[in-house]
Amino acid sequence: VSSSPECSFAQDVCVINTEEKHFCNLGELTKRAVVTPDIESMFSLNLDDHP
């Protein structure tokens, strides 16, 4: 996570539970952020293990 310049649109923070297949919106950010997902980890998932 790193700081970001001001922007003109809303940003919310969400948590994603891939095992139970749901997400939770934690609310709107008052400060802006850039969040970079761990792509290598996402692509290393074995889809056969997650119906």
N, C-alpha and C. Protein backbone atom coordinates (compact mmCIF):
# COMPACT_ATOMS: atom_id res chain seq x y z
N VAL A 1 0.86 -1.17 0.00
CA VAL A 1 0.00 0.00 0.00
C VAL A 1 0.90 1.22 0.00
N SER A 2 0.58 2.17 -0.87
CA SER A 2 1.33 3.41 -0.90
C SER A 2 0.38 4.58 -1.07
N SER A 3 0.85 5.79 -0.76
CA SER A 3 0.00 6.97 -0.87
C SER A 3 -0.27 7.29 -2.33
N SER A 4 -1.35 8.02 -2.56
CA SER A 4 -1.77 8.34 -3.92
C SER A 4 -2.13 9.82 -3.98
N PRO A 5 -2.02 10.44 -5.14
CA PRO A 5 -2.47 11.82 -5.27
C PRO A 5 -4.00 11.91 -5.10
N GLU A 6 -4.49 13.10 -4.81
CA GLU A 6 -5.93 13.30 -4.66
C GLU A 6 -6.66 12.90 -5.94
N CYS A 7 -7.86 12.36 -5.79
CA CYS A 7 -8.67 12.00 -6.95
C CYS A 7 -10.09 12.48 -6.73
N SER A 8 -10.89 12.47 -7.79
CA SER A 8 -12.24 13.03 -7.70
C SER A 8 -13.33 11.97 -7.58
N PHE A 9 -12.97 10.73 -7.31
CA PHE A 9 -13.98 9.68 -7.18
C PHE A 9 -13.84 8.98 -5.83
N ALA A 10 -14.91 8.33 -5.42
CA ALA A 10 -14.92 7.65 -4.12
C ALA A 10 -14.15 6.34 -4.20
N GLN A 11 -13.52 5.98 -3.08
CA GLN A 11 -12.84 4.70 -2.96
C GLN A 11 -13.29 4.06 -1.66
N ASP A 12 -13.63 2.78 -1.73
CA ASP A 12 -14.01 2.03 -0.55
C ASP A 12 -12.99 0.93 -0.31
N VAL A 13 -12.89 0.49 0.95
CA VAL A 13 -12.03 -0.63 1.31
C VAL A 13 -12.93 -1.86 1.47
N CYS A 14 -12.55 -2.95 0.81
CA CYS A 14 -13.31 -4.20 0.89
C CYS A 14 -12.38 -5.34 1.26
N VAL A 15 -12.93 -6.33 1.93
CA VAL A 15 -12.21 -7.56 2.25
C VAL A 15 -12.88 -8.67 1.47
N ILE A 16 -12.08 -9.50 0.79
CA ILE A 16 -12.61 -10.59 -0.02
C ILE A 16 -12.21 -11.92 0.61
N ASN A 17 -13.21 -12.75 0.88
CA ASN A 17 -12.98 -14.10 1.39
C ASN A 17 -13.19 -15.06 0.23
N THR A 18 -12.10 -15.56 -0.35
CA THR A 18 -12.20 -16.42 -1.53
C THR A 18 -12.69 -17.82 -1.18
N GLU A 19 -12.45 -18.27 0.05
CA GLU A 19 -12.90 -19.61 0.44
C GLU A 19 -14.41 -19.67 0.60
N GLU A 20 -15.00 -18.65 1.23
CA GLU A 20 -16.45 -18.64 1.44
C GLU A 20 -17.18 -17.86 0.35
N LYS A 21 -16.43 -17.30 -0.58
CA LYS A 21 -16.97 -16.59 -1.75
C LYS A 21 -17.90 -15.44 -1.37
N HIS A 22 -17.40 -14.54 -0.51
CA HIS A 22 -18.14 -13.33 -0.21
C HIS A 22 -17.16 -12.21 0.13
N PHE A 23 -17.68 -10.99 0.16
CA PHE A 23 -16.83 -9.86 0.51
C PHE A 23 -17.58 -8.95 1.47
N CYS A 24 -16.83 -8.09 2.12
CA CYS A 24 -17.39 -7.16 3.08
C CYS A 24 -16.82 -5.78 2.79
N ASN A 25 -17.70 -4.80 2.62
CA ASN A 25 -17.27 -3.43 2.41
C ASN A 25 -17.00 -2.81 3.78
N LEU A 26 -15.75 -2.37 4.01
CA LEU A 26 -15.37 -1.80 5.30
C LEU A 26 -15.65 -0.31 5.38
N GLY A 27 -15.89 0.33 4.23
CA GLY A 27 -16.24 1.75 4.25
C GLY A 27 -15.38 2.59 3.33
N GLU A 28 -15.72 3.86 3.28
CA GLU A 28 -15.05 4.81 2.39
C GLU A 28 -13.72 5.27 2.99
N LEU A 29 -12.75 5.47 2.12
CA LEU A 29 -11.46 6.00 2.55
C LEU A 29 -11.54 7.51 2.70
N THR A 30 -10.90 8.03 3.73
CA THR A 30 -10.79 9.48 3.85
C THR A 30 -9.47 9.95 3.25
N LYS A 31 -8.51 9.06 3.17
CA LYS A 31 -7.24 9.30 2.49
C LYS A 31 -7.17 8.34 1.32
N ARG A 32 -6.47 8.70 0.29
CA ARG A 32 -6.38 7.85 -0.89
C ARG A 32 -5.20 6.90 -0.77
N ALA A 33 -5.34 5.73 -1.39
CA ALA A 33 -4.28 4.72 -1.32
C ALA A 33 -4.21 3.95 -2.63
N VAL A 34 -3.04 3.40 -2.89
CA VAL A 34 -2.85 2.49 -4.01
C VAL A 34 -2.53 1.13 -3.40
N VAL A 35 -3.34 0.12 -3.72
CA VAL A 35 -3.14 -1.22 -3.19
C VAL A 35 -2.83 -2.14 -4.35
N THR A 36 -1.72 -2.84 -4.26
CA THR A 36 -1.29 -3.74 -5.32
C THR A 36 -1.45 -5.18 -4.86
N PRO A 37 -2.31 -5.95 -5.54
CA PRO A 37 -2.50 -7.35 -5.12
C PRO A 37 -1.27 -8.20 -5.42
N ASP A 38 -1.15 -9.30 -4.71
CA ASP A 38 -0.07 -10.26 -4.93
C ASP A 38 -0.50 -11.18 -6.09
N ILE A 39 -0.22 -10.75 -7.32
CA ILE A 39 -0.65 -11.47 -8.52
C ILE A 39 -0.07 -12.88 -8.57
N GLU A 40 1.18 -13.04 -8.19
CA GLU A 40 1.80 -14.36 -8.22
C GLU A 40 1.03 -15.33 -7.33
N SER A 41 0.62 -14.88 -6.16
CA SER A 41 -0.15 -15.72 -5.26
C SER A 41 -1.51 -16.06 -5.85
N MET A 42 -2.14 -15.09 -6.49
CA MET A 42 -3.45 -15.32 -7.09
C MET A 42 -3.38 -16.36 -8.20
N PHE A 43 -2.35 -16.30 -9.03
CA PHE A 43 -2.23 -17.24 -10.14
C PHE A 43 -1.73 -18.61 -9.70
N SER A 44 -1.18 -18.71 -8.50
CA SER A 44 -0.68 -20.00 -8.05
C SER A 44 -1.77 -20.85 -7.39
N LEU A 45 -2.99 -20.29 -7.23
CA LEU A 45 -4.08 -21.06 -6.65
C LEU A 45 -4.43 -22.23 -7.54
N ASN A 46 -4.66 -23.37 -6.94
CA ASN A 46 -5.09 -24.54 -7.69
C ASN A 46 -6.61 -24.50 -7.74
N LEU A 47 -7.19 -24.19 -8.89
CA LEU A 47 -8.63 -24.02 -9.01
C LEU A 47 -9.39 -25.31 -8.76
N ASP A 48 -8.75 -26.47 -8.89
CA ASP A 48 -9.41 -27.74 -8.60
C ASP A 48 -9.73 -27.88 -7.11
N ASP A 49 -8.98 -27.16 -6.26
CA ASP A 49 -9.21 -27.22 -4.82
C ASP A 49 -10.34 -26.31 -4.37
N HIS A 50 -10.81 -25.41 -5.25
CA HIS A 50 -11.84 -24.43 -4.91
C HIS A 50 -13.00 -24.56 -5.88
N PRO A 51 -14.01 -25.38 -5.54
CA PRO A 51 -15.15 -25.58 -6.47
C PRO A 51 -15.96 -24.33 -6.70
